[in-house]
Amino acid sequence: MNVPIDISQITLRTERLILRPWRQEDLADLFAYTSMDGVGQMCGWAPHTALSQAQDMLDRLIRNRNAFALEYEGRVIGTLGIPSYNEESFPQFDQLRGRELSFILSKDYWGRGLMPEAVREVMRYLFEDVGLDILFCGHFVFNQRSAHLQEKLGFHLCGYTKYHTRMGTTEDNRVNMLTREEWLRRNQQ
């Protein structure tokens, strides 16, 4: 079952990042990476071509209170969301407290290990502080960067779904999962 999440008062820190709630003054940074070709398509939306599109996204991020802004060296370079997972597709987990993870990172920062660093800290927060039992994380089957990251973090196959994008396409979506017990075993090594 999906557990309510509100990160509007939560700030997390890693060695290089500050993970914090979104603010209106983040608009220019958000637009800088949501307008990049190859970023939004991995999440099912076309690159933003107008600042108003980024403003709409920013308004949703602030209103939903379930996504961190990833701040690096004074700039917001990505998003790490904690949306609800699809309970209808995975009813076998109804007794477990869970959520899904989603992430977007500016192409300018790919390959630096920043997203794994951020996701590890959010996983720690969700399993230790919030007390979740299970996390889900999905990716389009063609998105090998996300597939590699999720595997590296210990996520494993749960199932497949179809995802209807904002671009009007339907994509095969691989959904991975990680339980708190699996996470604890990995972190005790």
C-alpha atoms as a PDB file:
ATOM      1  CA  MET A   1       0.000   0.000   0.000  1.00  0.00           C
ATOM      2  CA  ASN A   2       1.156   3.509  -0.721  1.00  0.00           C
ATOM      3  CA  VAL A   3       2.176   5.435   2.382  1.00  0.00           C
ATOM      4  CA  PRO A   4       1.545   9.213   2.468  1.00  0.00           C
ATOM      5  CA  ILE A   5       4.752  11.183   1.853  1.00  0.00           C
ATOM      6  CA  ASP A   6       5.353  14.866   2.550  1.00  0.00           C
ATOM      7  CA  ILE A   7       8.952  16.055   2.197  1.00  0.00           C
ATOM      8  CA  SER A   8       8.087  19.770   2.333  1.00  0.00           C
ATOM      9  CA  GLN A   9       9.975  20.129   5.637  1.00  0.00           C
ATOM     10  CA  ILE A  10      12.750  17.595   4.937  1.00  0.00           C
ATOM     11  CA  THR A  11      16.312  18.346   3.846  1.00  0.00           C
ATOM     12  CA  LEU A  12      18.838  15.551   3.343  1.00  0.00           C
ATOM     13  CA  ARG A  13      22.559  15.882   2.726  1.00  0.00           C
ATOM     14  CA  THR A  14      25.128  13.675   1.085  1.00  0.00           C
ATOM     15  CA  GLU A  15      28.823  14.241   0.544  1.00  0.00           C
ATOM     16  CA  ARG A  16      28.162  16.426  -2.517  1.00  0.00           C
ATOM     17  CA  LEU A  17      24.427  17.136  -2.615  1.00  0.00           C
ATOM     18  CA  ILE A  18      21.638  18.871  -0.765  1.00  0.00           C
ATOM     19  CA  LEU A  19      18.252  17.207  -1.298  1.00  0.00           C
ATOM     20  CA  ARG A  20      15.549  19.699  -0.390  1.00  0.00           C
ATOM     21  CA  PRO A  21      12.010  20.800  -1.220  1.00  0.00           C
ATOM     22  CA  TRP A  22      11.445  22.763  -4.422  1.00  0.00           C
ATOM     23  CA  ARG A  23      11.155  26.569  -4.348  1.00  0.00           C
ATOM     24  CA  GLN A  24       9.874  29.068  -6.921  1.00  0.00           C
ATOM     25  CA  GLU A  25      13.388  30.474  -7.352  1.00  0.00           C
ATOM     26  CA  ASP A  26      14.451  27.077  -8.820  1.00  0.00           C
ATOM     27  CA  LEU A  27      12.593  27.766 -12.078  1.00  0.00           C
ATOM     28  CA  ALA A  28      15.615  28.735 -14.207  1.00  0.00           C
ATOM     29  CA  ASP A  29      17.600  25.683 -13.059  1.00  0.00           C
ATOM     30  CA  LEU A  30      14.636  23.384 -13.708  1.00  0.00           C
ATOM     31  CA  PHE A  31      14.136  24.779 -17.208  1.00  0.00           C
ATOM     32  CA  ALA A  32      17.864  24.419 -17.936  1.00  0.00           C
ATOM     33  CA  TYR A  33      17.666  20.628 -17.750  1.00  0.00           C
ATOM     34  CA  THR A  34      14.039  19.970 -18.697  1.00  0.00           C
ATOM     35  CA  SER A  35      14.691  21.718 -22.005  1.00  0.00           C
ATOM     36  CA  MET A  36      17.606  19.379 -22.853  1.00  0.00           C
ATOM     37  CA  ASP A  37      17.023  16.819 -25.578  1.00  0.00           C
ATOM     38  CA  GLY A  38      17.245  13.298 -24.188  1.00  0.00           C
ATOM     39  CA  VAL A  39      16.219  14.084 -20.603  1.00  0.00           C
ATOM     40  CA  GLY A  40      12.411  14.257 -20.602  1.00  0.00           C
ATOM     41  CA  GLN A  41      12.022  11.493 -23.180  1.00  0.00           C
ATOM     42  CA  MET A  42      13.388   9.008 -20.628  1.00  0.00           C
ATOM     43  CA  CYS A  43      10.414   9.938 -18.421  1.00  0.00           C
ATOM     44  CA  GLY A  44       7.749  10.150 -21.096  1.00  0.00           C
ATOM     45  CA  TRP A  45       7.618  13.845 -21.910  1.00  0.00           C
ATOM     46  CA  ALA A  46       9.129  16.029 -24.617  1.00  0.00           C
ATOM     47  CA  PRO A  47      11.826  18.580 -23.807  1.00  0.00           C
ATOM     48  CA  HIS A  48      10.354  21.835 -22.562  1.00  0.00           C
ATOM     49  CA  THR A  49      10.421  24.566 -25.182  1.00  0.00           C
ATOM     50  CA  ALA A  50       8.879  27.323 -23.057  1.00  0.00           C
ATOM     51  CA  LEU A  51       9.528  28.535 -19.542  1.00  0.00           C
ATOM     52  CA  SER A  52       5.808  28.150 -18.847  1.00  0.00           C
ATOM     53  CA  GLN A  53       6.145  24.351 -19.209  1.00  0.00           C
ATOM     54  CA  ALA A  54       8.858  24.299 -16.556  1.00  0.00           C
ATOM     55  CA  GLN A  55       6.691  26.577 -14.390  1.00  0.00           C
ATOM     56  CA  ASP A  56       3.800  24.107 -14.641  1.00  0.00           C
ATOM     57  CA  MET A  57       6.150  21.290 -13.621  1.00  0.00           C
ATOM     58  CA  LEU A  58       7.579  23.333 -10.759  1.00  0.00           C
ATOM     59  CA  ASP A  59       4.087  24.158  -9.499  1.00  0.00           C
ATOM     60  CA  ARG A  60       3.246  20.415  -9.468  1.00  0.00           C
ATOM     61  CA  LEU A  61       6.507  19.542  -7.697  1.00  0.00           C
ATOM     62  CA  ILE A  62       5.811  22.104  -4.963  1.00  0.00           C
ATOM     63  CA  ARG A  63       2.120  21.220  -4.651  1.00  0.00           C
ATOM     64  CA  ASN A  64       2.671  17.428  -4.503  1.00  0.00           C
ATOM     65  CA  ARG A  65       5.353  17.687  -1.774  1.00  0.00           C
ATOM     66  CA  ASN A  66       6.889  14.354  -2.758  1.00  0.00           C
ATOM     67  CA  ALA A  67       9.988  15.275  -4.772  1.00  0.00           C
ATOM     68  CA  PHE A  68      13.395  16.545  -3.789  1.00  0.00           C
ATOM     69  CA  ALA A  69      15.339  19.162  -5.711  1.00  0.00           C
ATOM     70  CA  LEU A  70      18.939  17.952  -6.091  1.00  0.00           C
ATOM     71  CA  GLU A  71      21.231  20.872  -5.378  1.00  0.00           C
ATOM     72  CA  TYR A  72      24.886  20.630  -6.398  1.00  0.00           C
ATOM     73  CA  GLU A  73      27.335  23.508  -6.036  1.00  0.00           C
ATOM     74  CA  GLY A  74      24.466  25.988  -5.618  1.00  0.00           C
ATOM     75  CA  ARG A  75      22.408  24.835  -8.630  1.00  0.00           C
ATOM     76  CA  VAL A  76      19.473  22.480  -8.918  1.00  0.00           C
ATOM     77  CA  ILE A  77      20.533  19.758 -11.343  1.00  0.00           C
ATOM     78  CA  GLY A  78      17.827  17.137 -10.937  1.00  0.00           C
ATOM     79  CA  THR A  79      14.713  15.774  -9.329  1.00  0.00           C
ATOM     80  CA  LEU A  80      14.234  12.745  -7.116  1.00  0.00           C
ATOM     81  CA  GLY A  81      10.563  11.957  -6.687  1.00  0.00           C
ATOM     82  CA  ILE A  82       8.699   9.588  -4.397  1.00  0.00           C
ATOM     83  CA  PRO A  83       5.413   9.087  -6.275  1.00  0.00           C
ATOM     84  CA  SER A  84       2.787   6.462  -5.512  1.00  0.00           C
ATOM     85  CA  TYR A  85       3.418   3.082  -7.085  1.00  0.00           C
ATOM     86  CA  ASN A  86       0.770   1.326  -9.177  1.00  0.00           C
ATOM     87  CA  GLU A  87      -1.081  -0.740  -6.564  1.00  0.00           C
ATOM     88  CA  GLU A  88      -3.444  -2.135  -9.202  1.00  0.00           C
ATOM     89  CA  SER A  89      -0.572  -3.764 -11.103  1.00  0.00           C
ATOM     90  CA  PHE A  90       1.041  -5.235  -7.971  1.00  0.00           C
ATOM     91  CA  PRO A  91      -1.727  -6.243  -5.519  1.00  0.00           C
ATOM     92  CA  GLN A  92       0.520  -8.906  -3.967  1.00  0.00           C
ATOM     93  CA  PHE A  93       2.253  -6.112  -2.022  1.00  0.00           C
ATOM     94  CA  ASP A  94      -0.902  -4.593  -0.482  1.00  0.00           C
ATOM     95  CA  GLN A  95       0.207  -5.495   3.050  1.00  0.00           C
ATOM     96  CA  LEU A  96       3.563  -3.742   2.673  1.00  0.00           C
ATOM     97  CA  ARG A  97       4.208  -0.027   3.203  1.00  0.00           C
ATOM     98  CA  GLY A  98       5.685   1.233  -0.063  1.00  0.00           C
ATOM     99  CA  ARG A  99       6.328   3.973  -2.597  1.00  0.00           C
ATOM    100  CA  GLU A 100       8.094   4.389  -5.921  1.00  0.00           C
ATOM    101  CA  LEU A 101      11.251   6.321  -6.780  1.00  0.00           C
ATOM    102  CA  SER A 102      11.662   8.400  -9.928  1.00  0.00           C
ATOM    103  CA  PHE A 103      14.592  10.550 -10.957  1.00  0.00           C
ATOM    104  CA  ILE A 104      15.768  13.025 -13.565  1.00  0.00           C
ATOM    105  CA  LEU A 105      19.268  14.433 -13.876  1.00  0.00           C
ATOM    106  CA  SER A 106      20.675  17.147 -16.120  1.00  0.00           C
ATOM    107  CA  LYS A 107      22.760  15.618 -18.916  1.00  0.00           C
ATOM    108  CA  ASP A 108      25.572  17.975 -17.890  1.00  0.00           C
ATOM    109  CA  TYR A 109      26.007  15.863 -14.748  1.00  0.00           C
ATOM    110  CA  TRP A 110      25.603  12.317 -16.083  1.00  0.00           C
ATOM    111  CA  GLY A 111      28.400   9.901 -15.288  1.00  0.00           C
ATOM    112  CA  ARG A 112      29.581  11.580 -12.059  1.00  0.00           C
ATOM    113  CA  GLY A 113      27.864   9.249  -9.590  1.00  0.00           C
ATOM    114  CA  LEU A 114      25.572  11.997  -8.319  1.00  0.00           C
ATOM    115  CA  MET A 115      22.269  10.219  -8.862  1.00  0.00           C
ATOM    116  CA  PRO A 116      23.347   6.985  -7.122  1.00  0.00           C
ATOM    117  CA  GLU A 117      24.552   9.138  -4.213  1.00  0.00           C
ATOM    118  CA  ALA A 118      21.179  10.904  -4.012  1.00  0.00           C
ATOM    119  CA  VAL A 119      19.080   7.755  -4.404  1.00  0.00           C
ATOM    120  CA  ARG A 120      21.036   5.912  -1.701  1.00  0.00           C
ATOM    121  CA  GLU A 121      20.308   8.714   0.774  1.00  0.00           C
ATOM    122  CA  VAL A 122      16.604   8.829  -0.117  1.00  0.00           C
ATOM    123  CA  MET A 123      16.415   5.035   0.217  1.00  0.00           C
ATOM    124  CA  ARG A 124      18.005   5.335   3.671  1.00  0.00           C
ATOM    125  CA  TYR A 125      15.501   8.031   4.626  1.00  0.00           C
ATOM    126  CA  LEU A 126      12.516   6.011   3.377  1.00  0.00           C
ATOM    127  CA  PHE A 127      13.538   2.697   4.934  1.00  0.00           C
ATOM    128  CA  GLU A 128      14.978   4.018   8.219  1.00  0.00           C
ATOM    129  CA  ASP A 129      13.120   7.253   8.991  1.00  0.00           C
ATOM    130  CA  VAL A 130       9.751   6.695   7.270  1.00  0.00           C
ATOM    131  CA  GLY A 131       9.687   2.919   7.862  1.00  0.00           C
ATOM    132  CA  LEU A 132       8.785   1.705   4.388  1.00  0.00           C
ATOM    133  CA  ASP A 133       8.849  -2.031   3.663  1.00  0.00           C
ATOM    134  CA  ILE A 134       9.308  -1.855  -0.106  1.00  0.00           C
ATOM    135  CA  LEU A 135      10.384   0.525  -2.865  1.00  0.00           C
ATOM    136  CA  PHE A 136       9.591   0.286  -6.555  1.00  0.00           C
ATOM    137  CA  CYS A 137      11.515   1.888  -9.386  1.00  0.00           C
ATOM    138  CA  GLY A 138      10.685   1.660 -13.074  1.00  0.00           C
ATOM    139  CA  HIS A 139      12.268   2.477 -16.400  1.00  0.00           C
ATOM    140  CA  PHE A 140      11.380   2.198 -20.037  1.00  0.00           C
ATOM    141  CA  VAL A 141      13.029  -0.944 -21.390  1.00  0.00           C
ATOM    142  CA  PHE A 142      15.164   1.125 -23.785  1.00  0.00           C
ATOM    143  CA  ASN A 143      16.570   3.293 -20.963  1.00  0.00           C
ATOM    144  CA  GLN A 144      19.781   1.430 -20.208  1.00  0.00           C
ATOM    145  CA  ARG A 145      21.252   4.186 -18.012  1.00  0.00           C
ATOM    146  CA  SER A 146      18.349   3.912 -15.588  1.00  0.00           C
ATOM    147  CA  ALA A 147      18.404   0.099 -15.814  1.00  0.00           C
ATOM    148  CA  HIS A 148      22.077   0.064 -14.842  1.00  0.00           C
ATOM    149  CA  LEU A 149      21.559   2.484 -11.944  1.00  0.00           C
ATOM    150  CA  GLN A 150      18.644   0.520 -10.518  1.00  0.00           C
ATOM    151  CA  GLU A 151      20.565  -2.754 -10.753  1.00  0.00           C
ATOM    152  CA  LYS A 152      23.593  -1.144  -9.102  1.00  0.00           C
ATOM    153  CA  LEU A 153      21.360  -0.052  -6.190  1.00  0.00           C
ATOM    154  CA  GLY A 154      20.001  -3.588  -5.702  1.00  0.00           C
ATOM    155  CA  PHE A 155      16.610  -3.292  -7.389  1.00  0.00           C
ATOM    156  CA  HIS A 156      15.421  -6.444  -9.175  1.00  0.00           C
ATOM    157  CA  LEU A 157      12.577  -7.351 -11.492  1.00  0.00           C
ATOM    158  CA  CYS A 158       9.054  -7.194 -10.162  1.00  0.00           C
ATOM    159  CA  GLY A 159       7.141  -7.091 -13.458  1.00  0.00           C
ATOM    160  CA  TYR A 160       6.300  -5.159 -16.603  1.00  0.00           C
ATOM    161  CA  THR A 161       3.621  -2.578 -17.306  1.00  0.00           C
ATOM    162  CA  LYS A 162       2.627  -0.369 -20.213  1.00  0.00           C
ATOM    163  CA  TYR A 163       3.193   3.357 -19.740  1.00  0.00           C
ATOM    164  CA  HIS A 164       1.230   5.940 -21.720  1.00  0.00           C
ATOM    165  CA  THR A 165       3.504   8.955 -22.182  1.00  0.00           C
ATOM    166  CA  ARG A 166       2.648  12.623 -22.539  1.00  0.00           C
ATOM    167  CA  MET A 167       4.122  12.359 -26.031  1.00  0.00           C
ATOM    168  CA  GLY A 168       1.285  10.046 -27.096  1.00  0.00           C
ATOM    169  CA  THR A 169       3.341   6.843 -27.164  1.00  0.00           C
ATOM    170  CA  THR A 170       2.957   3.664 -25.161  1.00  0.00           C
ATOM    171  CA  GLU A 171       6.182   2.262 -23.759  1.00  0.00           C
ATOM    172  CA  ASP A 172       7.099  -1.043 -22.176  1.00  0.00           C
ATOM    173  CA  ASN A 173       8.041  -0.246 -18.601  1.00  0.00           C
ATOM    174  CA  ARG A 174      10.145  -2.544 -16.435  1.00  0.00           C
ATOM    175  CA  VAL A 175       9.223  -2.219 -12.762  1.00  0.00           C
ATOM    176  CA  ASN A 176      11.875  -3.189 -10.237  1.00  0.00           C
ATOM    177  CA  MET A 177      11.595  -3.558  -6.480  1.00  0.00           C
ATOM    178  CA  LEU A 178      13.709  -3.630  -3.339  1.00  0.00           C
ATOM    179  CA  THR A 179      12.523  -4.615   0.136  1.00  0.00           C
ATOM    180  CA  ARG A 180      13.815  -3.164   3.384  1.00  0.00           C
ATOM    181  CA  GLU A 181      15.293  -6.578   4.277  1.00  0.00           C
ATOM    182  CA  GLU A 182      17.203  -6.709   0.985  1.00  0.00           C
ATOM    183  CA  TRP A 183      18.409  -3.149   1.502  1.00  0.00           C
ATOM    184  CA  LEU A 184      19.578  -3.943   5.042  1.00  0.00           C
ATOM    185  CA  ARG A 185      21.501  -7.027   3.841  1.00  0.00           C
ATOM    186  CA  ARG A 186      23.237  -4.992   1.130  1.00  0.00           C
ATOM    187  CA  ASN A 187      24.202  -2.268   3.589  1.00  0.00           C
ATOM    188  CA  GLN A 188      25.586  -4.640   6.227  1.00  0.00           C
ATOM    189  CA  GLN A 189      28.219  -6.002   3.857  1.00  0.00           C
END
